[in-house]
Amino acid sequence: HNITCHQGVYIAVTGPNLETKAEYNYLRIIGGDAVGMSTVPEVIVANHMSIPVFAISVLTDEGFPDVLEPVSLEEILVTAKAAEPKMTKILSSLISTL
């Protein structure tokens, strides 16, 4: 489907908040490639219930500390909404293989 996917280390933080430049720097130093407030709590609960888990995330803000600019919740929501068709294709393809 010509969709770019990346693999890496996902770091979970408590929210709701947007990270500062210092936080992004720290998270990169400790090996993080992406940061988010969701996914991990759900995976932990599923794991405790012995439920198999598959997780996929949409990155809505690049968060490069050296070029960090303020981002609004509205911008994040627009980016997430724009990713919806690609996510639908990915999940439809995955489900068809099950």
PDB file of N, CA and C in Angstrom:
ATOM      1  N   HIS A   1       0.819  -1.213   0.000  1.00  0.00           N
ATOM      2  CA  HIS A   1       0.000   0.000   0.000  1.00  0.00           C
ATOM      3  C   HIS A   1       0.857   1.270   0.000  1.00  0.00           C
ATOM      4  N   ASN A   2       2.166   1.107  -0.099  1.00  0.00           N
ATOM      5  CA  ASN A   2       3.082   2.246  -0.114  1.00  0.00           C
ATOM      6  C   ASN A   2       2.957   3.091   1.158  1.00  0.00           C
ATOM      7  N   ILE A   3       2.942   2.423   2.308  1.00  0.00           N
ATOM      8  CA  ILE A   3       2.840   3.092   3.605  1.00  0.00           C
ATOM      9  C   ILE A   3       4.148   2.877   4.347  1.00  0.00           C
ATOM     10  N   THR A   4       4.756   3.956   4.802  1.00  0.00           N
ATOM     11  CA  THR A   4       6.009   3.869   5.537  1.00  0.00           C
ATOM     12  C   THR A   4       5.736   3.457   6.977  1.00  0.00           C
ATOM     13  N   CYS A   5       6.417   2.405   7.418  1.00  0.00           N
ATOM     14  CA  CYS A   5       6.305   1.946   8.803  1.00  0.00           C
ATOM     15  C   CYS A   5       7.696   1.929   9.418  1.00  0.00           C
ATOM     16  N   HIS A   6       7.762   2.251  10.688  1.00  0.00           N
ATOM     17  CA  HIS A   6       9.030   2.264  11.409  1.00  0.00           C
ATOM     18  C   HIS A   6       8.925   1.338  12.609  1.00  0.00           C
ATOM     19  N   GLN A   7      10.052   0.805  13.025  1.00  0.00           N
ATOM     20  CA  GLN A   7      10.121   0.028  14.252  1.00  0.00           C
ATOM     21  C   GLN A   7      11.062   0.741  15.195  1.00  0.00           C
ATOM     22  N   GLY A   8      10.836   0.582  16.491  1.00  0.00           N
ATOM     23  CA  GLY A   8      11.725   1.206  17.451  1.00  0.00           C
ATOM     24  C   GLY A   8      11.247   0.988  18.869  1.00  0.00           C
ATOM     25  N   VAL A   9      11.847   1.738  19.762  1.00  0.00           N
ATOM     26  CA  VAL A   9      11.522   1.659  21.182  1.00  0.00           C
ATOM     27  C   VAL A   9      10.474   2.715  21.512  1.00  0.00           C
ATOM     28  N   TYR A  10       9.335   2.249  22.028  1.00  0.00           N
ATOM     29  CA  TYR A  10       8.223   3.128  22.400  1.00  0.00           C
ATOM     30  C   TYR A  10       8.287   3.345  23.902  1.00  0.00           C
ATOM     31  N   ILE A  11       8.368   4.594  24.308  1.00  0.00           N
ATOM     32  CA  ILE A  11       8.398   4.933  25.731  1.00  0.00           C
ATOM     33  C   ILE A  11       7.049   5.512  26.119  1.00  0.00           C
ATOM     34  N   ALA A  12       6.483   4.961  27.182  1.00  0.00           N
ATOM     35  CA  ALA A  12       5.188   5.442  27.666  1.00  0.00           C
ATOM     36  C   ALA A  12       5.395   6.439  28.797  1.00  0.00           C
ATOM     37  N   VAL A  13       4.617   7.493  28.756  1.00  0.00           N
ATOM     38  CA  VAL A  13       4.602   8.479  29.833  1.00  0.00           C
ATOM     39  C   VAL A  13       3.156   8.647  30.291  1.00  0.00           C
ATOM     40  N   THR A  14       3.018   9.132  31.521  1.00  0.00           N
ATOM     41  CA  THR A  14       1.663   9.414  31.981  1.00  0.00           C
ATOM     42  C   THR A  14       1.213  10.720  31.361  1.00  0.00           C
ATOM     43  N   GLY A  15      -0.034  10.870  31.172  1.00  0.00           N
ATOM     44  CA  GLY A  15      -0.552  12.084  30.542  1.00  0.00           C
ATOM     45  C   GLY A  15      -1.698  12.626  31.344  1.00  0.00           C
ATOM     46  N   PRO A  16      -2.410  13.540  30.843  1.00  0.00           N
ATOM     47  CA  PRO A  16      -2.168  14.131  29.522  1.00  0.00           C
ATOM     48  C   PRO A  16      -1.162  15.274  29.601  1.00  0.00           C
ATOM     49  N   ASN A  17      -0.181  15.214  28.755  1.00  0.00           N
ATOM     50  CA  ASN A  17       0.794  16.296  28.651  1.00  0.00           C
ATOM     51  C   ASN A  17       1.563  16.168  27.344  1.00  0.00           C
ATOM     52  N   LEU A  18       2.164  17.248  26.927  1.00  0.00           N
ATOM     53  CA  LEU A  18       3.068  17.241  25.782  1.00  0.00           C
ATOM     54  C   LEU A  18       4.477  17.439  26.329  1.00  0.00           C
ATOM     55  N   GLU A  19       5.419  16.713  25.795  1.00  0.00           N
ATOM     56  CA  GLU A  19       6.774  16.714  26.329  1.00  0.00           C
ATOM     57  C   GLU A  19       7.514  18.020  26.032  1.00  0.00           C
ATOM     58  N   THR A  20       8.445  18.339  26.927  1.00  0.00           N
ATOM     59  CA  THR A  20       9.305  19.510  26.753  1.00  0.00           C
ATOM     60  C   THR A  20      10.563  19.090  25.991  1.00  0.00           C
ATOM     61  N   LYS A  21      11.347  20.078  25.584  1.00  0.00           N
ATOM     62  CA  LYS A  21      12.611  19.798  24.901  1.00  0.00           C
ATOM     63  C   LYS A  21      13.512  18.941  25.788  1.00  0.00           C
ATOM     64  N   ALA A  22      13.586  19.270  27.065  1.00  0.00           N
ATOM     65  CA  ALA A  22      14.430  18.510  27.995  1.00  0.00           C
ATOM     66  C   ALA A  22      13.952  17.062  28.117  1.00  0.00           C
ATOM     67  N   GLU A  23      12.646  16.876  28.163  1.00  0.00           N
ATOM     68  CA  GLU A  23      12.111  15.513  28.256  1.00  0.00           C
ATOM     69  C   GLU A  23      12.417  14.714  26.989  1.00  0.00           C
ATOM     70  N   TYR A  24      12.240  15.334  25.826  1.00  0.00           N
ATOM     71  CA  TYR A  24      12.571  14.639  24.575  1.00  0.00           C
ATOM     72  C   TYR A  24      14.058  14.270  24.536  1.00  0.00           C
ATOM     73  N   ASN A  25      14.916  15.180  24.970  1.00  0.00           N
ATOM     74  CA  ASN A  25      16.354  14.885  25.018  1.00  0.00           C
ATOM     75  C   ASN A  25      16.620  13.671  25.897  1.00  0.00           C
ATOM     76  N   TYR A  26      16.047  13.668  27.092  1.00  0.00           N
ATOM     77  CA  TYR A  26      16.247  12.559  28.025  1.00  0.00           C
ATOM     78  C   TYR A  26      15.748  11.241  27.433  1.00  0.00           C
ATOM     79  N   LEU A  27      14.561  11.270  26.852  1.00  0.00           N
ATOM     80  CA  LEU A  27      13.983  10.045  26.303  1.00  0.00           C
ATOM     81  C   LEU A  27      14.825   9.490  25.157  1.00  0.00           C
ATOM     82  N   ARG A  28      15.449  10.371  24.379  1.00  0.00           N
ATOM     83  CA  ARG A  28      16.360   9.909  23.314  1.00  0.00           C
ATOM     84  C   ARG A  28      17.631   9.307  23.918  1.00  0.00           C
ATOM     85  N   ILE A  29      18.151   9.959  24.973  1.00  0.00           N
ATOM     86  CA  ILE A  29      19.369   9.468  25.624  1.00  0.00           C
ATOM     87  C   ILE A  29      19.173   8.048  26.145  1.00  0.00           C
ATOM     88  N   ILE A  30      17.998   7.759  26.703  1.00  0.00           N
ATOM     89  CA  ILE A  30      17.768   6.424  27.264  1.00  0.00           C
ATOM     90  C   ILE A  30      17.300   5.413  26.214  1.00  0.00           C
ATOM     91  N   GLY A  31      17.295   5.827  24.944  1.00  0.00           N
ATOM     92  CA  GLY A  31      17.045   4.879  23.867  1.00  0.00           C
ATOM     93  C   GLY A  31      15.671   4.921  23.241  1.00  0.00           C
ATOM     94  N   GLY A  32      14.876   5.911  23.580  1.00  0.00           N
ATOM     95  CA  GLY A  32      13.534   5.997  23.025  1.00  0.00           C
ATOM     96  C   GLY A  32      13.513   6.515  21.601  1.00  0.00           C
ATOM     97  N   ASP A  33      12.643   5.928  20.794  1.00  0.00           N
ATOM     98  CA  ASP A  33      12.428   6.391  19.427  1.00  0.00           C
ATOM     99  C   ASP A  33      11.091   7.102  19.287  1.00  0.00           C
ATOM    100  N   ALA A  34      10.146   6.732  20.153  1.00  0.00           N
ATOM    101  CA  ALA A  34       8.810   7.329  20.125  1.00  0.00           C
ATOM    102  C   ALA A  34       8.293   7.400  21.553  1.00  0.00           C
ATOM    103  N   VAL A  35       7.436   8.368  21.794  1.00  0.00           N
ATOM    104  CA  VAL A  35       6.876   8.545  23.134  1.00  0.00           C
ATOM    105  C   VAL A  35       5.376   8.755  23.011  1.00  0.00           C
ATOM    106  N   GLY A  36       4.647   8.210  23.961  1.00  0.00           N
ATOM    107  CA  GLY A  36       3.203   8.374  23.926  1.00  0.00           C
ATOM    108  C   GLY A  36       2.562   8.114  25.272  1.00  0.00           C
ATOM    109  N   MET A  37       1.288   8.464  25.346  1.00  0.00           N
ATOM    110  CA  MET A  37       0.540   8.318  26.592  1.00  0.00           C
ATOM    111  C   MET A  37      -0.397   7.118  26.566  1.00  0.00           C
ATOM    112  N   SER A  38      -0.520   6.487  25.431  1.00  0.00           N
ATOM    113  CA  SER A  38      -1.451   5.358  25.346  1.00  0.00           C
ATOM    114  C   SER A  38      -0.706   4.102  24.943  1.00  0.00           C
ATOM    115  N   THR A  39      -1.404   3.060  24.716  1.00  0.00           N
ATOM    116  CA  THR A  39      -0.915   1.760  24.271  1.00  0.00           C
ATOM    117  C   THR A  39      -0.369   0.924  25.430  1.00  0.00           C
ATOM    118  N   VAL A  40       0.607   1.421  26.155  1.00  0.00           N
ATOM    119  CA  VAL A  40       1.248   0.619  27.195  1.00  0.00           C
ATOM    120  C   VAL A  40       0.290   0.240  28.327  1.00  0.00           C
ATOM    121  N   PRO A  41      -0.510   1.157  28.876  1.00  0.00           N
ATOM    122  CA  PRO A  41      -1.438   0.722  29.937  1.00  0.00           C
ATOM    123  C   PRO A  41      -2.371  -0.401  29.472  1.00  0.00           C
ATOM    124  N   GLU A  42      -2.853  -0.301  28.238  1.00  0.00           N
ATOM    125  CA  GLU A  42      -3.738  -1.329  27.709  1.00  0.00           C
ATOM    126  C   GLU A  42      -3.009  -2.664  27.538  1.00  0.00           C
ATOM    127  N   VAL A  43      -1.763  -2.608  27.087  1.00  0.00           N
ATOM    128  CA  VAL A  43      -0.970  -3.825  26.910  1.00  0.00           C
ATOM    129  C   VAL A  43      -0.698  -4.488  28.260  1.00  0.00           C
ATOM    130  N   ILE A  44      -0.411  -3.694  29.274  1.00  0.00           N
ATOM    131  CA  ILE A  44      -0.161  -4.241  30.614  1.00  0.00           C
ATOM    132  C   ILE A  44      -1.399  -4.969  31.133  1.00  0.00           C
ATOM    133  N   VAL A  45      -2.558  -4.344  31.000  1.00  0.00           N
ATOM    134  CA  VAL A  45      -3.798  -4.975  31.468  1.00  0.00           C
ATOM    135  C   VAL A  45      -4.056  -6.271  30.704  1.00  0.00           C
ATOM    136  N   ALA A  46      -3.911  -6.231  29.385  1.00  0.00           N
ATOM    137  CA  ALA A  46      -4.134  -7.437  28.585  1.00  0.00           C
ATOM    138  C   ALA A  46      -3.165  -8.543  28.990  1.00  0.00           C
ATOM    139  N   ASN A  47      -1.920  -8.179  29.228  1.00  0.00           N
ATOM    140  CA  ASN A  47      -0.916  -9.157  29.635  1.00  0.00           C
ATOM    141  C   ASN A  47      -1.308  -9.817  30.951  1.00  0.00           C
ATOM    142  N   HIS A  48      -1.772  -9.035  31.906  1.00  0.00           N
ATOM    143  CA  HIS A  48      -2.196  -9.586  33.197  1.00  0.00           C
ATOM    144  C   HIS A  48      -3.381 -10.532  33.050  1.00  0.00           C
ATOM    145  N   MET A  49      -4.151 -10.351  31.991  1.00  0.00           N
ATOM    146  CA  MET A  49      -5.314 -11.208  31.742  1.00  0.00           C
ATOM    147  C   MET A  49      -4.992 -12.323  30.744  1.00  0.00           C
ATOM    148  N   SER A  50      -3.702 -12.463  30.390  1.00  0.00           N
ATOM    149  CA  SER A  50      -3.238 -13.473  29.427  1.00  0.00           C
ATOM    150  C   SER A  50      -3.920 -13.347  28.071  1.00  0.00           C
ATOM    151  N   ILE A  51      -4.175 -12.121  27.664  1.00  0.00           N
ATOM    152  CA  ILE A  51      -4.776 -11.850  26.359  1.00  0.00           C
ATOM    153  C   ILE A  51      -3.655 -11.476  25.386  1.00  0.00           C
ATOM    154  N   PRO A  52      -3.535 -12.168  24.249  1.00  0.00           N
ATOM    155  CA  PRO A  52      -2.519 -11.789  23.258  1.00  0.00           C
ATOM    156  C   PRO A  52      -2.748 -10.349  22.784  1.00  0.00           C
ATOM    157  N   VAL A  53      -1.660  -9.654  22.516  1.00  0.00           N
ATOM    158  CA  VAL A  53      -1.752  -8.233  22.183  1.00  0.00           C
ATOM    159  C   VAL A  53      -0.972  -7.924  20.914  1.00  0.00           C
ATOM    160  N   PHE A  54      -1.554  -7.083  20.092  1.00  0.00           N
ATOM    161  CA  PHE A  54      -0.871  -6.473  18.952  1.00  0.00           C
ATOM    162  C   PHE A  54      -1.066  -4.975  19.111  1.00  0.00           C
ATOM    163  N   ALA A  55      -0.014  -4.205  18.951  1.00  0.00           N
ATOM    164  CA  ALA A  55      -0.132  -2.753  19.103  1.00  0.00           C
ATOM    165  C   ALA A  55       0.455  -2.048  17.894  1.00  0.00           C
ATOM    166  N   ILE A  56      -0.174  -0.958  17.527  1.00  0.00           N
ATOM    167  CA  ILE A  56       0.303  -0.113  16.437  1.00  0.00           C
ATOM    168  C   ILE A  56      -0.016   1.324  16.828  1.00  0.00           C
ATOM    169  N   SER A  57       0.867   2.232  16.509  1.00  0.00           N
ATOM    170  CA  SER A  57       0.673   3.626  16.905  1.00  0.00           C
ATOM    171  C   SER A  57       0.873   4.557  15.720  1.00  0.00           C
ATOM    172  N   VAL A  58       0.227   5.690  15.790  1.00  0.00           N
ATOM    173  CA  VAL A  58       0.429   6.774  14.831  1.00  0.00           C
ATOM    174  C   VAL A  58       1.198   7.867  15.554  1.00  0.00           C
ATOM    175  N   LEU A  59       2.317   8.271  14.988  1.00  0.00           N
ATOM    176  CA  LEU A  59       3.078   9.373  15.576  1.00  0.00           C
ATOM    177  C   LEU A  59       2.527  10.679  15.026  1.00  0.00           C
ATOM    178  N   THR A  60       2.113  11.554  15.928  1.00  0.00           N
ATOM    179  CA  THR A  60       1.480  12.803  15.501  1.00  0.00           C
ATOM    180  C   THR A  60       2.381  14.013  15.656  1.00  0.00           C
ATOM    181  N   ASP A  61       3.546  13.833  16.271  1.00  0.00           N
ATOM    182  CA  ASP A  61       4.465  14.941  16.501  1.00  0.00           C
ATOM    183  C   ASP A  61       5.871  14.359  16.496  1.00  0.00           C
ATOM    184  N   GLU A  62       6.745  14.885  15.653  1.00  0.00           N
ATOM    185  CA  GLU A  62       8.078  14.296  15.539  1.00  0.00           C
ATOM    186  C   GLU A  62       8.919  14.479  16.793  1.00  0.00           C
ATOM    187  N   GLY A  63       8.788  15.575  17.482  1.00  0.00           N
ATOM    188  CA  GLY A  63       9.454  15.750  18.766  1.00  0.00           C
ATOM    189  C   GLY A  63      10.966  15.750  18.730  1.00  0.00           C
ATOM    190  N   PHE A  64      11.562  16.283  17.672  1.00  0.00           N
ATOM    191  CA  PHE A  64      13.016  16.399  17.641  1.00  0.00           C
ATOM    192  C   PHE A  64      13.420  17.586  18.515  1.00  0.00           C
ATOM    193  N   PRO A  65      14.175  17.356  19.584  1.00  0.00           N
ATOM    194  CA  PRO A  65      14.472  18.422  20.547  1.00  0.00           C
ATOM    195  C   PRO A  65      15.108  19.670  19.940  1.00  0.00           C
ATOM    196  N   ASP A  66      15.975  19.502  18.948  1.00  0.00           N
ATOM    197  CA  ASP A  66      16.691  20.660  18.399  1.00  0.00           C
ATOM    198  C   ASP A  66      15.827  21.559  17.527  1.00  0.00           C
ATOM    199  N   VAL A  67      14.702  21.064  17.061  1.00  0.00           N
ATOM    200  CA  VAL A  67      13.813  21.867  16.211  1.00  0.00           C
ATOM    201  C   VAL A  67      12.381  21.857  16.746  1.00  0.00           C
ATOM    202  N   LEU A  68      12.264  21.678  18.051  1.00  0.00           N
ATOM    203  CA  LEU A  68      10.952  21.566  18.686  1.00  0.00           C
ATOM    204  C   LEU A  68      10.197  22.884  18.613  1.00  0.00           C
ATOM    205  N   GLU A  69       8.963  22.791  18.131  1.00  0.00           N
ATOM    206  CA  GLU A  69       8.083  23.954  18.076  1.00  0.00           C
ATOM    207  C   GLU A  69       6.795  23.606  18.797  1.00  0.00           C
ATOM    208  N   PRO A  70       6.129  24.603  19.358  1.00  0.00           N
ATOM    209  CA  PRO A  70       4.868  24.329  20.056  1.00  0.00           C
ATOM    210  C   PRO A  70       3.861  23.667  19.116  1.00  0.00           C
ATOM    211  N   VAL A  71       3.110  22.725  19.654  1.00  0.00           N
ATOM    212  CA  VAL A  71       2.082  22.036  18.884  1.00  0.00           C
ATOM    213  C   VAL A  71       0.795  22.059  19.705  1.00  0.00           C
ATOM    214  N   SER A  72      -0.309  22.230  19.026  1.00  0.00           N
ATOM    215  CA  SER A  72      -1.594  22.296  19.724  1.00  0.00           C
ATOM    216  C   SER A  72      -2.303  20.946  19.652  1.00  0.00           C
ATOM    217  N   LEU A  73      -3.243  20.748  20.544  1.00  0.00           N
ATOM    218  CA  LEU A  73      -4.043  19.533  20.518  1.00  0.00           C
ATOM    219  C   LEU A  73      -4.792  19.414  19.196  1.00  0.00           C
ATOM    220  N   GLU A  74      -5.234  20.540  18.663  1.00  0.00           N
ATOM    221  CA  GLU A  74      -5.938  20.527  17.382  1.00  0.00           C
ATOM    222  C   GLU A  74      -5.046  19.994  16.263  1.00  0.00           C
ATOM    223  N   GLU A  75      -3.773  20.413  16.237  1.00  0.00           N
ATOM    224  CA  GLU A  75      -2.835  19.931  15.214  1.00  0.00           C
ATOM    225  C   GLU A  75      -2.617  18.419  15.346  1.00  0.00           C
ATOM    226  N   ILE A  76      -2.533  17.955  16.571  1.00  0.00           N
ATOM    227  CA  ILE A  76      -2.348  16.527  16.821  1.00  0.00           C
ATOM    228  C   ILE A  76      -3.551  15.745  16.302  1.00  0.00           C
ATOM    229  N   LEU A  77      -4.746  16.247  16.572  1.00  0.00           N
ATOM    230  CA  LEU A  77      -5.961  15.567  16.121  1.00  0.00           C
ATOM    231  C   LEU A  77      -6.077  15.555  14.599  1.00  0.00           C
ATOM    232  N   VAL A  78      -5.677  16.651  13.946  1.00  0.00           N
ATOM    233  CA  VAL A  78      -5.707  16.709  12.478  1.00  0.00           C
ATOM    234  C   VAL A  78      -4.742  15.674  11.894  1.00  0.00           C
ATOM    235  N   THR A  79      -3.553  15.574  12.470  1.00  0.00           N
ATOM    236  CA  THR A  79      -2.565  14.604  11.998  1.00  0.00           C
ATOM    237  C   THR A  79      -3.069  13.176  12.194  1.00  0.00           C
ATOM    238  N   ALA A  80      -3.656  12.918  13.347  1.00  0.00           N
ATOM    239  CA  ALA A  80      -4.192  11.581  13.616  1.00  0.00           C
ATOM    240  C   ALA A  80      -5.312  11.235  12.638  1.00  0.00           C
ATOM    241  N   LYS A  81      -6.190  12.175  12.386  1.00  0.00           N
ATOM    242  CA  LYS A  81      -7.303  11.949  11.460  1.00  0.00           C
ATOM    243  C   LYS A  81      -6.781  11.675  10.043  1.00  0.00           C
ATOM    244  N   ALA A  82      -5.727  12.383   9.646  1.00  0.00           N
ATOM    245  CA  ALA A  82      -5.153  12.190   8.313  1.00  0.00           C
ATOM    246  C   ALA A  82      -4.560  10.786   8.157  1.00  0.00           C
ATOM    247  N   ALA A  83      -4.133  10.191   9.259  1.00  0.00           N
ATOM    248  CA  ALA A  83      -3.545   8.848   9.212  1.00  0.00           C
ATOM    249  C   ALA A  83      -4.600   7.747   9.171  1.00  0.00           C
ATOM    250  N   GLU A  84      -5.841   8.096   9.438  1.00  0.00           N
ATOM    251  CA  GLU A  84      -6.898   7.086   9.534  1.00  0.00           C
ATOM    252  C   GLU A  84      -7.024   6.183   8.303  1.00  0.00           C
ATOM    253  N   PRO A  85      -7.017   6.707   7.073  1.00  0.00           N
ATOM    254  CA  PRO A  85      -7.131   5.810   5.909  1.00  0.00           C
ATOM    255  C   PRO A  85      -5.980   4.800   5.818  1.00  0.00           C
ATOM    256  N   LYS A  86      -4.769   5.234   6.136  1.00  0.00           N
ATOM    257  CA  LYS A  86      -3.624   4.317   6.093  1.00  0.00           C
ATOM    258  C   LYS A  86      -3.744   3.254   7.183  1.00  0.00           C
ATOM    259  N   MET A  87      -4.166   3.659   8.367  1.00  0.00           N
ATOM    260  CA  MET A  87      -4.340   2.696   9.455  1.00  0.00           C
ATOM    261  C   MET A  87      -5.416   1.676   9.098  1.00  0.00           C
ATOM    262  N   THR A  88      -6.468   2.137   8.452  1.00  0.00           N
ATOM    263  CA  THR A  88      -7.539   1.235   8.028  1.00  0.00           C
ATOM    264  C   THR A  88      -7.005   0.196   7.045  1.00  0.00           C
ATOM    265  N   LYS A  89      -6.165   0.631   6.098  1.00  0.00           N
ATOM    266  CA  LYS A  89      -5.568  -0.306   5.138  1.00  0.00           C
ATOM    267  C   LYS A  89      -4.675  -1.321   5.843  1.00  0.00           C
ATOM    268  N   ILE A  90      -3.842  -0.837   6.765  1.00  0.00           N
ATOM    269  CA  ILE A  90      -2.930  -1.731   7.490  1.00  0.00           C
ATOM    270  C   ILE A  90      -3.719  -2.773   8.268  1.00  0.00           C
ATOM    271  N   LEU A  91      -4.699  -2.322   9.029  1.00  0.00           N
ATOM    272  CA  LEU A  91      -5.467  -3.251   9.857  1.00  0.00           C
ATOM    273  C   LEU A  91      -6.326  -4.192   9.019  1.00  0.00           C
ATOM    274  N   SER A  92      -6.883  -3.702   7.929  1.00  0.00           N
ATOM    275  CA  SER A  92      -7.667  -4.573   7.041  1.00  0.00           C
ATOM    276  C   SER A  92      -6.786  -5.669   6.448  1.00  0.00           C
ATOM    277  N   SER A  93      -5.586  -5.300   6.028  1.00  0.00           N
ATOM    278  CA  SER A  93      -4.650  -6.290   5.481  1.00  0.00           C
ATOM    279  C   SER A  93      -4.252  -7.308   6.544  1.00  0.00           C
ATOM    280  N   LEU A  94      -3.999  -6.832   7.745  1.00  0.00           N
ATOM    281  CA  LEU A  94      -3.619  -7.724   8.838  1.00  0.00           C
ATOM    282  C   LEU A  94      -4.753  -8.696   9.163  1.00  0.00           C
ATOM    283  N   ILE A  95      -5.951  -8.174   9.303  1.00  0.00           N
ATOM    284  CA  ILE A  95      -7.097  -9.012   9.657  1.00  0.00           C
ATOM    285  C   ILE A  95      -7.364 -10.057   8.577  1.00  0.00           C
ATOM    286  N   SER A  96      -7.159  -9.693   7.323  1.00  0.00           N
ATOM    287  CA  SER A  96      -7.416 -10.652   6.236  1.00  0.00           C
ATOM    288  C   SER A  96      -6.451 -11.833   6.264  1.00  0.00           C
ATOM    289  N   THR A  97      -5.331 -11.697   6.966  1.00  0.00           N
ATOM    290  CA  THR A  97      -4.366 -12.798   7.054  1.00  0.00           C
ATOM    291  C   THR A  97      -4.642 -13.725   8.229  1.00  0.00           C
ATOM    292  N   LEU A  98      -5.561 -13.344   9.090  1.00  0.00           N
ATOM    293  CA  LEU A  98      -5.832 -14.166  10.284  1.00  0.00           C
ATOM    294  C   LEU A  98      -6.722 -15.349   9.966  1.00  0.00           C
TER     295      LEU A  98
END
